[in-house]
Amino acid sequence: MTASRKGFFNAFKDVWMLDGVRTPMVDYCGSLGHISPTDLGIKAARAVLARAGVPGEHIGTVITGNMAPGDYEQFMLPRHISLYAGVPQAVPALMTQRICGTGFELFRQAGEQIESGCADVALLTGAESMTRNPIAAFTHRTGFKLGAPVEFKDFLWEALNDSAAGITMIQTAENLAKKYGITREEVDAFASSSFAKAVAAQQAGFHAGEIVPVVTETFELPATPPAASSCRAS
């Protein structure tokens, strides 16, 4: 038996990205820290459909990327983004997670579905809030016994530790720096340069076309649910 090296690579002949928008990037525990990823996802989904001129009823598949729960709607996150963006209830709404590669995975899965003929148009949404990563416990469903340790932990911090490899994400960065001879001075210089370029681009309006402003608003479901779209069999 030989090991496969194909992985998840796909190349598509006739699949196109129509448009894309995002909410602003802000500081950890900053101005958007109180907003759930569900609402941020709905905001972006509505905006991109409006920008692309694609009605929700024309969407044939919804794929949402999310890593950590940011509200109590985690199980329904892709479904709620789909419905509140005006996509028919009959359209599948899936969630995927591939850590830092989640965004690429969304496009890969959408390309597969479109090229196979199961959907003509896909709505992809990534929704995340590091600020709202929970303080969680997985061992107290049966209650708190007298004298037993209370095991609430920082989900965000603990998730950065790979217990299989026995190292944290921070240690991984250190190991890569040692392996490739990257100095702290080089890293700091690159980070400073990158940040300066981002600030200059923002001030020059370079990112204006891709950012949808987040304002106080209420999302409501359409009064009349749109008709279901069909899925072509491959």
C-alpha atoms as a PDB file:
ATOM      1  CA  MET A   1       0.000   0.000   0.000  1.00  0.00           C
ATOM      2  CA  THR A   2       1.332   3.420  -0.910  1.00  0.00           C
ATOM      3  CA  ALA A   3       0.451   6.656   0.822  1.00  0.00           C
ATOM      4  CA  SER A   4      -1.634   9.135  -1.139  1.00  0.00           C
ATOM      5  CA  ARG A   5      -0.219  12.633  -1.584  1.00  0.00           C
ATOM      6  CA  LYS A   6      -3.239  14.170  -3.298  1.00  0.00           C
ATOM      7  CA  GLY A   7      -4.700  15.797  -0.178  1.00  0.00           C
ATOM      8  CA  PHE A   8      -7.635  18.125  -0.773  1.00  0.00           C
ATOM      9  CA  PHE A   9      -6.352  20.009  -3.800  1.00  0.00           C
ATOM     10  CA  ASN A  10      -8.951  20.888  -6.434  1.00  0.00           C
ATOM     11  CA  ALA A  11      -8.795  22.925  -9.620  1.00  0.00           C
ATOM     12  CA  PHE A  12     -12.045  24.052 -11.212  1.00  0.00           C
ATOM     13  CA  LYS A  13     -12.534  24.944 -14.878  1.00  0.00           C
ATOM     14  CA  ASP A  14     -15.649  27.123 -14.770  1.00  0.00           C
ATOM     15  CA  VAL A  15     -16.248  28.330 -11.212  1.00  0.00           C
ATOM     16  CA  TRP A  16     -16.164  32.074 -10.485  1.00  0.00           C
ATOM     17  CA  MET A  17     -16.235  34.300  -7.408  1.00  0.00           C
ATOM     18  CA  LEU A  18     -18.872  36.971  -8.026  1.00  0.00           C
ATOM     19  CA  ASP A  19     -18.126  39.305  -5.110  1.00  0.00           C
ATOM     20  CA  GLY A  20     -16.927  39.469  -1.536  1.00  0.00           C
ATOM     21  CA  VAL A  21     -17.251  41.746   1.491  1.00  0.00           C
ATOM     22  CA  ARG A  22     -16.215  41.661   5.121  1.00  0.00           C
ATOM     23  CA  THR A  23     -16.980  43.424   8.356  1.00  0.00           C
ATOM     24  CA  PRO A  24     -14.230  45.668   9.790  1.00  0.00           C
ATOM     25  CA  MET A  25     -11.255  44.143  11.591  1.00  0.00           C
ATOM     26  CA  VAL A  26     -11.044  45.480  15.128  1.00  0.00           C
ATOM     27  CA  ASP A  27      -8.988  44.891  18.261  1.00  0.00           C
ATOM     28  CA  TYR A  28      -9.464  41.853  20.475  1.00  0.00           C
ATOM     29  CA  CYS A  29     -12.036  42.842  23.140  1.00  0.00           C
ATOM     30  CA  GLY A  30     -12.663  45.973  21.052  1.00  0.00           C
ATOM     31  CA  SER A  31     -15.686  47.720  19.587  1.00  0.00           C
ATOM     32  CA  LEU A  32     -17.298  44.640  18.005  1.00  0.00           C
ATOM     33  CA  GLY A  33     -16.608  42.340  20.959  1.00  0.00           C
ATOM     34  CA  HIS A  34     -20.239  42.348  22.084  1.00  0.00           C
ATOM     35  CA  ILE A  35     -21.589  41.290  18.666  1.00  0.00           C
ATOM     36  CA  SER A  36     -22.156  37.588  18.048  1.00  0.00           C
ATOM     37  CA  PRO A  37     -20.563  35.862  15.054  1.00  0.00           C
ATOM     38  CA  THR A  38     -24.075  34.896  13.940  1.00  0.00           C
ATOM     39  CA  ASP A  39     -25.033  38.545  13.503  1.00  0.00           C
ATOM     40  CA  LEU A  40     -21.706  39.392  11.854  1.00  0.00           C
ATOM     41  CA  GLY A  41     -22.237  36.499   9.446  1.00  0.00           C
ATOM     42  CA  ILE A  42     -25.770  37.619   8.605  1.00  0.00           C
ATOM     43  CA  LYS A  43     -24.528  41.160   7.991  1.00  0.00           C
ATOM     44  CA  ALA A  44     -21.802  40.010   5.600  1.00  0.00           C
ATOM     45  CA  ALA A  45     -24.081  37.515   3.831  1.00  0.00           C
ATOM     46  CA  ARG A  46     -26.783  40.105   3.182  1.00  0.00           C
ATOM     47  CA  ALA A  47     -24.226  42.633   1.982  1.00  0.00           C
ATOM     48  CA  VAL A  48     -22.481  40.294  -0.457  1.00  0.00           C
ATOM     49  CA  LEU A  49     -25.755  39.152  -2.028  1.00  0.00           C
ATOM     50  CA  ALA A  50     -26.792  42.774  -2.482  1.00  0.00           C
ATOM     51  CA  ARG A  51     -23.396  43.688  -3.934  1.00  0.00           C
ATOM     52  CA  ALA A  52     -23.399  40.734  -6.332  1.00  0.00           C
ATOM     53  CA  GLY A  53     -27.026  41.317  -7.340  1.00  0.00           C
ATOM     54  CA  VAL A  54     -27.936  37.719  -6.510  1.00  0.00           C
ATOM     55  CA  PRO A  55     -31.342  37.132  -4.853  1.00  0.00           C
ATOM     56  CA  GLY A  56     -31.332  34.722  -1.936  1.00  0.00           C
ATOM     57  CA  GLU A  57     -33.677  32.343  -3.758  1.00  0.00           C
ATOM     58  CA  HIS A  58     -31.001  31.795  -6.424  1.00  0.00           C
ATOM     59  CA  ILE A  59     -28.572  30.311  -3.888  1.00  0.00           C
ATOM     60  CA  GLY A  60     -28.236  26.534  -4.131  1.00  0.00           C
ATOM     61  CA  THR A  61     -25.889  25.847  -1.218  1.00  0.00           C
ATOM     62  CA  VAL A  62     -24.693  27.713   1.879  1.00  0.00           C
ATOM     63  CA  ILE A  63     -21.348  26.872   3.484  1.00  0.00           C
ATOM     64  CA  THR A  64     -20.244  28.652   6.653  1.00  0.00           C
ATOM     65  CA  GLY A  65     -16.859  28.590   8.347  1.00  0.00           C
ATOM     66  CA  ASN A  66     -16.526  28.898  12.123  1.00  0.00           C
ATOM     67  CA  MET A  67     -14.060  27.564  14.686  1.00  0.00           C
ATOM     68  CA  ALA A  68     -15.305  28.435  18.161  1.00  0.00           C
ATOM     69  CA  PRO A  69     -18.767  29.145  19.593  1.00  0.00           C
ATOM     70  CA  GLY A  70     -19.498  32.830  20.114  1.00  0.00           C
ATOM     71  CA  ASP A  71     -23.140  32.538  21.147  1.00  0.00           C
ATOM     72  CA  TYR A  72     -25.786  29.934  21.944  1.00  0.00           C
ATOM     73  CA  GLU A  73     -26.794  29.614  18.300  1.00  0.00           C
ATOM     74  CA  GLN A  74     -23.657  27.658  17.388  1.00  0.00           C
ATOM     75  CA  PHE A  75     -25.552  24.578  16.208  1.00  0.00           C
ATOM     76  CA  MET A  76     -27.759  26.704  13.947  1.00  0.00           C
ATOM     77  CA  LEU A  77     -25.101  29.197  12.813  1.00  0.00           C
ATOM     78  CA  PRO A  78     -25.058  28.300   9.082  1.00  0.00           C
ATOM     79  CA  ARG A  79     -28.831  27.835   9.012  1.00  0.00           C
ATOM     80  CA  HIS A  80     -29.533  31.191  10.649  1.00  0.00           C
ATOM     81  CA  ILE A  81     -27.105  33.030   8.370  1.00  0.00           C
ATOM     82  CA  SER A  82     -28.815  31.354   5.419  1.00  0.00           C
ATOM     83  CA  LEU A  83     -32.399  32.122   6.464  1.00  0.00           C
ATOM     84  CA  TYR A  84     -31.775  35.709   7.538  1.00  0.00           C
ATOM     85  CA  ALA A  85     -29.971  36.344   4.243  1.00  0.00           C
ATOM     86  CA  GLY A  86     -33.138  35.327   2.395  1.00  0.00           C
ATOM     87  CA  VAL A  87     -32.066  31.866   1.240  1.00  0.00           C
ATOM     88  CA  PRO A  88     -34.874  29.261   1.006  1.00  0.00           C
ATOM     89  CA  GLN A  89     -35.195  26.858   3.910  1.00  0.00           C
ATOM     90  CA  ALA A  90     -34.857  23.853   1.599  1.00  0.00           C
ATOM     91  CA  VAL A  91     -31.313  24.864   0.621  1.00  0.00           C
ATOM     92  CA  PRO A  92     -28.621  22.939   2.549  1.00  0.00           C
ATOM     93  CA  ALA A  93     -26.651  25.024   5.057  1.00  0.00           C
ATOM     94  CA  LEU A  94     -23.420  23.410   6.224  1.00  0.00           C
ATOM     95  CA  MET A  95     -20.633  24.377   8.620  1.00  0.00           C
ATOM     96  CA  THR A  96     -16.987  23.484   8.120  1.00  0.00           C
ATOM     97  CA  GLN A  97     -13.831  24.009  10.173  1.00  0.00           C
ATOM     98  CA  ARG A  98     -10.251  23.668   9.001  1.00  0.00           C
ATOM     99  CA  ILE A  99      -8.637  26.013  11.518  1.00  0.00           C
ATOM    100  CA  CYS A 100      -6.632  28.729   9.705  1.00  0.00           C
ATOM    101  CA  GLY A 101      -7.419  27.152   6.331  1.00  0.00           C
ATOM    102  CA  THR A 102     -11.189  27.300   6.831  1.00  0.00           C
ATOM    103  CA  GLY A 103     -11.721  30.062   4.256  1.00  0.00           C
ATOM    104  CA  PHE A 104      -9.916  28.093   1.560  1.00  0.00           C
ATOM    105  CA  GLU A 105     -11.913  24.998   2.495  1.00  0.00           C
ATOM    106  CA  LEU A 106     -15.191  26.872   1.965  1.00  0.00           C
ATOM    107  CA  PHE A 107     -14.201  27.724  -1.613  1.00  0.00           C
ATOM    108  CA  ARG A 108     -13.008  24.177  -2.258  1.00  0.00           C
ATOM    109  CA  GLN A 109     -16.281  22.636  -1.112  1.00  0.00           C
ATOM    110  CA  ALA A 110     -18.339  25.193  -3.016  1.00  0.00           C
ATOM    111  CA  GLY A 111     -16.338  24.519  -6.170  1.00  0.00           C
ATOM    112  CA  GLU A 112     -16.976  20.791  -5.828  1.00  0.00           C
ATOM    113  CA  GLN A 113     -20.717  21.303  -5.417  1.00  0.00           C
ATOM    114  CA  ILE A 114     -20.963  23.716  -8.349  1.00  0.00           C
ATOM    115  CA  GLU A 115     -18.814  21.652 -10.698  1.00  0.00           C
ATOM    116  CA  SER A 116     -20.734  18.485  -9.818  1.00  0.00           C
ATOM    117  CA  GLY A 117     -24.007  20.231 -10.693  1.00  0.00           C
ATOM    118  CA  CYS A 118     -25.575  20.128  -7.241  1.00  0.00           C
ATOM    119  CA  ALA A 119     -25.683  23.931  -7.069  1.00  0.00           C
ATOM    120  CA  ASP A 120     -25.345  26.807  -9.502  1.00  0.00           C
ATOM    121  CA  VAL A 121     -24.546  29.515  -6.926  1.00  0.00           C
ATOM    122  CA  ALA A 122     -23.038  29.159  -3.446  1.00  0.00           C
ATOM    123  CA  LEU A 123     -23.087  31.567  -0.510  1.00  0.00           C
ATOM    124  CA  LEU A 124     -19.916  31.347   1.611  1.00  0.00           C
ATOM    125  CA  THR A 125     -19.614  33.064   4.957  1.00  0.00           C
ATOM    126  CA  GLY A 126     -16.902  33.016   7.613  1.00  0.00           C
ATOM    127  CA  ALA A 127     -17.972  34.118  11.099  1.00  0.00           C
ATOM    128  CA  GLU A 128     -15.648  34.340  14.086  1.00  0.00           C
ATOM    129  CA  SER A 129     -15.168  36.335  17.290  1.00  0.00           C
ATOM    130  CA  MET A 130     -12.070  35.688  19.371  1.00  0.00           C
ATOM    131  CA  THR A 131     -13.422  38.058  22.019  1.00  0.00           C
ATOM    132  CA  ARG A 132     -16.488  35.864  22.518  1.00  0.00           C
ATOM    133  CA  ASN A 133     -14.636  32.548  22.798  1.00  0.00           C
ATOM    134  CA  PRO A 134     -16.158  31.076  25.975  1.00  0.00           C
ATOM    135  CA  ILE A 135     -14.838  30.120  29.368  1.00  0.00           C
ATOM    136  CA  ALA A 136     -15.933  26.481  29.211  1.00  0.00           C
ATOM    137  CA  ALA A 137     -16.158  23.270  31.200  1.00  0.00           C
ATOM    138  CA  PHE A 138     -16.735  19.809  29.757  1.00  0.00           C
ATOM    139  CA  THR A 139     -16.903  17.761  32.965  1.00  0.00           C
ATOM    140  CA  HIS A 140     -19.762  19.241  35.002  1.00  0.00           C
ATOM    141  CA  ARG A 141     -22.866  17.886  33.296  1.00  0.00           C
ATOM    142  CA  THR A 142     -23.490  15.746  36.395  1.00  0.00           C
ATOM    143  CA  GLY A 143     -23.009  18.635  38.797  1.00  0.00           C
ATOM    144  CA  PHE A 144     -20.337  19.844  41.221  1.00  0.00           C
ATOM    145  CA  LYS A 145     -19.246  17.312  43.813  1.00  0.00           C
ATOM    146  CA  LEU A 146     -17.978  18.435  47.203  1.00  0.00           C
ATOM    147  CA  GLY A 147     -14.257  19.180  47.078  1.00  0.00           C
ATOM    148  CA  ALA A 148     -13.879  18.286  43.390  1.00  0.00           C
ATOM    149  CA  PRO A 149     -11.947  20.767  41.220  1.00  0.00           C
ATOM    150  CA  VAL A 150     -13.972  23.231  39.192  1.00  0.00           C
ATOM    151  CA  GLU A 151     -12.686  22.823  35.644  1.00  0.00           C
ATOM    152  CA  PHE A 152     -13.712  25.981  33.827  1.00  0.00           C
ATOM    153  CA  LYS A 153     -10.962  26.977  31.401  1.00  0.00           C
ATOM    154  CA  ASP A 154     -10.309  29.611  28.760  1.00  0.00           C
ATOM    155  CA  PHE A 155     -11.466  27.936  25.534  1.00  0.00           C
ATOM    156  CA  LEU A 156      -9.338  30.203  23.349  1.00  0.00           C
ATOM    157  CA  TRP A 157      -6.147  29.583  25.329  1.00  0.00           C
ATOM    158  CA  GLU A 158      -6.669  25.834  25.748  1.00  0.00           C
ATOM    159  CA  ALA A 159      -7.532  25.379  22.051  1.00  0.00           C
ATOM    160  CA  LEU A 160      -4.065  26.657  21.130  1.00  0.00           C
ATOM    161  CA  ASN A 161      -2.525  23.621  22.807  1.00  0.00           C
ATOM    162  CA  ASP A 162      -2.134  20.487  20.663  1.00  0.00           C
ATOM    163  CA  SER A 163      -2.169  17.641  23.172  1.00  0.00           C
ATOM    164  CA  ALA A 164      -1.276  15.111  20.441  1.00  0.00           C
ATOM    165  CA  ALA A 165       1.954  16.900  19.559  1.00  0.00           C
ATOM    166  CA  GLY A 166       2.483  18.149  23.100  1.00  0.00           C
ATOM    167  CA  ILE A 167       3.109  21.763  22.051  1.00  0.00           C
ATOM    168  CA  THR A 168       1.179  25.002  21.780  1.00  0.00           C
ATOM    169  CA  MET A 169       0.696  27.114  18.663  1.00  0.00           C
ATOM    170  CA  ILE A 170       3.135  29.628  20.138  1.00  0.00           C
ATOM    171  CA  GLN A 171       5.774  26.908  20.546  1.00  0.00           C
ATOM    172  CA  THR A 172       5.155  25.871  16.930  1.00  0.00           C
ATOM    173  CA  ALA A 173       6.045  29.397  15.821  1.00  0.00           C
ATOM    174  CA  GLU A 174       9.214  29.263  17.916  1.00  0.00           C
ATOM    175  CA  ASN A 175      10.180  25.903  16.414  1.00  0.00           C
ATOM    176  CA  LEU A 176       9.693  27.211  12.873  1.00  0.00           C
ATOM    177  CA  ALA A 177      11.783  30.284  13.662  1.00  0.00           C
ATOM    178  CA  LYS A 178      14.617  28.086  14.894  1.00  0.00           C
ATOM    179  CA  LYS A 179      14.335  25.695  11.942  1.00  0.00           C
ATOM    180  CA  TYR A 180      14.481  28.427   9.306  1.00  0.00           C
ATOM    181  CA  GLY A 181      16.771  30.830  11.150  1.00  0.00           C
ATOM    182  CA  ILE A 182      14.235  33.631  11.536  1.00  0.00           C
ATOM    183  CA  THR A 183      15.311  36.178  14.144  1.00  0.00           C
ATOM    184  CA  ARG A 184      13.067  38.169  16.467  1.00  0.00           C
ATOM    185  CA  GLU A 185      14.365  41.380  14.904  1.00  0.00           C
ATOM    186  CA  GLU A 186      13.318  40.189  11.433  1.00  0.00           C
ATOM    187  CA  VAL A 187       9.876  39.206  12.688  1.00  0.00           C
ATOM    188  CA  ASP A 188       9.335  42.539  14.437  1.00  0.00           C
ATOM    189  CA  ALA A 189      10.495  44.475  11.374  1.00  0.00           C
ATOM    190  CA  PHE A 190       8.166  42.515   9.087  1.00  0.00           C
ATOM    191  CA  ALA A 191       5.217  42.953  11.489  1.00  0.00           C
ATOM    192  CA  SER A 192       5.831  46.691  11.756  1.00  0.00           C
ATOM    193  CA  SER A 193       6.086  47.062   7.983  1.00  0.00           C
ATOM    194  CA  SER A 194       2.959  44.992   7.397  1.00  0.00           C
ATOM    195  CA  PHE A 195       0.951  46.993   9.925  1.00  0.00           C
ATOM    196  CA  ALA A 196       2.120  50.283   8.445  1.00  0.00           C
ATOM    197  CA  LYS A 197       1.066  49.159   4.959  1.00  0.00           C
ATOM    198  CA  ALA A 198      -2.356  48.115   6.255  1.00  0.00           C
ATOM    199  CA  VAL A 199      -2.912  51.476   7.970  1.00  0.00           C
ATOM    200  CA  ALA A 200      -1.775  53.391   4.864  1.00  0.00           C
ATOM    201  CA  ALA A 201      -4.070  51.317   2.631  1.00  0.00           C
ATOM    202  CA  GLN A 202      -7.017  51.894   4.954  1.00  0.00           C
ATOM    203  CA  GLN A 203      -6.405  55.662   5.076  1.00  0.00           C
ATOM    204  CA  ALA A 204      -6.077  55.803   1.287  1.00  0.00           C
ATOM    205  CA  GLY A 205      -9.438  54.078   0.868  1.00  0.00           C
ATOM    206  CA  PHE A 206      -7.921  50.975  -0.715  1.00  0.00           C
ATOM    207  CA  HIS A 207     -10.107  48.651   1.406  1.00  0.00           C
ATOM    208  CA  ALA A 208     -13.274  50.741   1.134  1.00  0.00           C
ATOM    209  CA  GLY A 209     -14.858  48.506  -1.472  1.00  0.00           C
ATOM    210  CA  GLU A 210     -14.520  45.329   0.575  1.00  0.00           C
ATOM    211  CA  ILE A 211     -15.716  46.545   3.998  1.00  0.00           C
ATOM    212  CA  VAL A 212     -19.390  46.695   4.942  1.00  0.00           C
ATOM    213  CA  PRO A 213     -19.977  49.057   7.903  1.00  0.00           C
ATOM    214  CA  VAL A 214     -21.500  47.477  11.017  1.00  0.00           C
ATOM    215  CA  VAL A 215     -24.335  49.574  12.441  1.00  0.00           C
ATOM    216  CA  THR A 216     -27.053  48.977  14.998  1.00  0.00           C
ATOM    217  CA  GLU A 217     -29.858  47.130  13.255  1.00  0.00           C
ATOM    218  CA  THR A 218     -32.337  44.294  13.710  1.00  0.00           C
ATOM    219  CA  PHE A 219     -32.373  41.272  11.417  1.00  0.00           C
ATOM    220  CA  GLU A 220     -35.778  39.799  10.635  1.00  0.00           C
ATOM    221  CA  LEU A 221     -36.816  36.834   8.546  1.00  0.00           C
ATOM    222  CA  PRO A 222     -38.625  37.564   5.268  1.00  0.00           C
ATOM    223  CA  ALA A 223     -42.378  37.801   5.779  1.00  0.00           C
ATOM    224  CA  THR A 224     -42.926  35.294   2.981  1.00  0.00           C
ATOM    225  CA  PRO A 225     -40.255  32.578   2.746  1.00  0.00           C
ATOM    226  CA  PRO A 226     -38.749  32.450  -0.757  1.00  0.00           C
ATOM    227  CA  ALA A 227     -39.539  29.467  -2.921  1.00  0.00           C
ATOM    228  CA  ALA A 228     -37.182  26.537  -2.745  1.00  0.00           C
ATOM    229  CA  SER A 229     -34.575  26.202  -5.469  1.00  0.00           C
ATOM    230  CA  SER A 230     -33.869  22.912  -7.178  1.00  0.00           C
ATOM    231  CA  CYS A 231     -30.684  20.850  -6.997  1.00  0.00           C
ATOM    232  CA  ARG A 232     -29.479  19.315 -10.219  1.00  0.00           C
ATOM    233  CA  ALA A 233     -28.349  15.725 -10.016  1.00  0.00           C
ATOM    234  CA  SER A 234     -24.838  15.117 -11.307  1.00  0.00           C
END
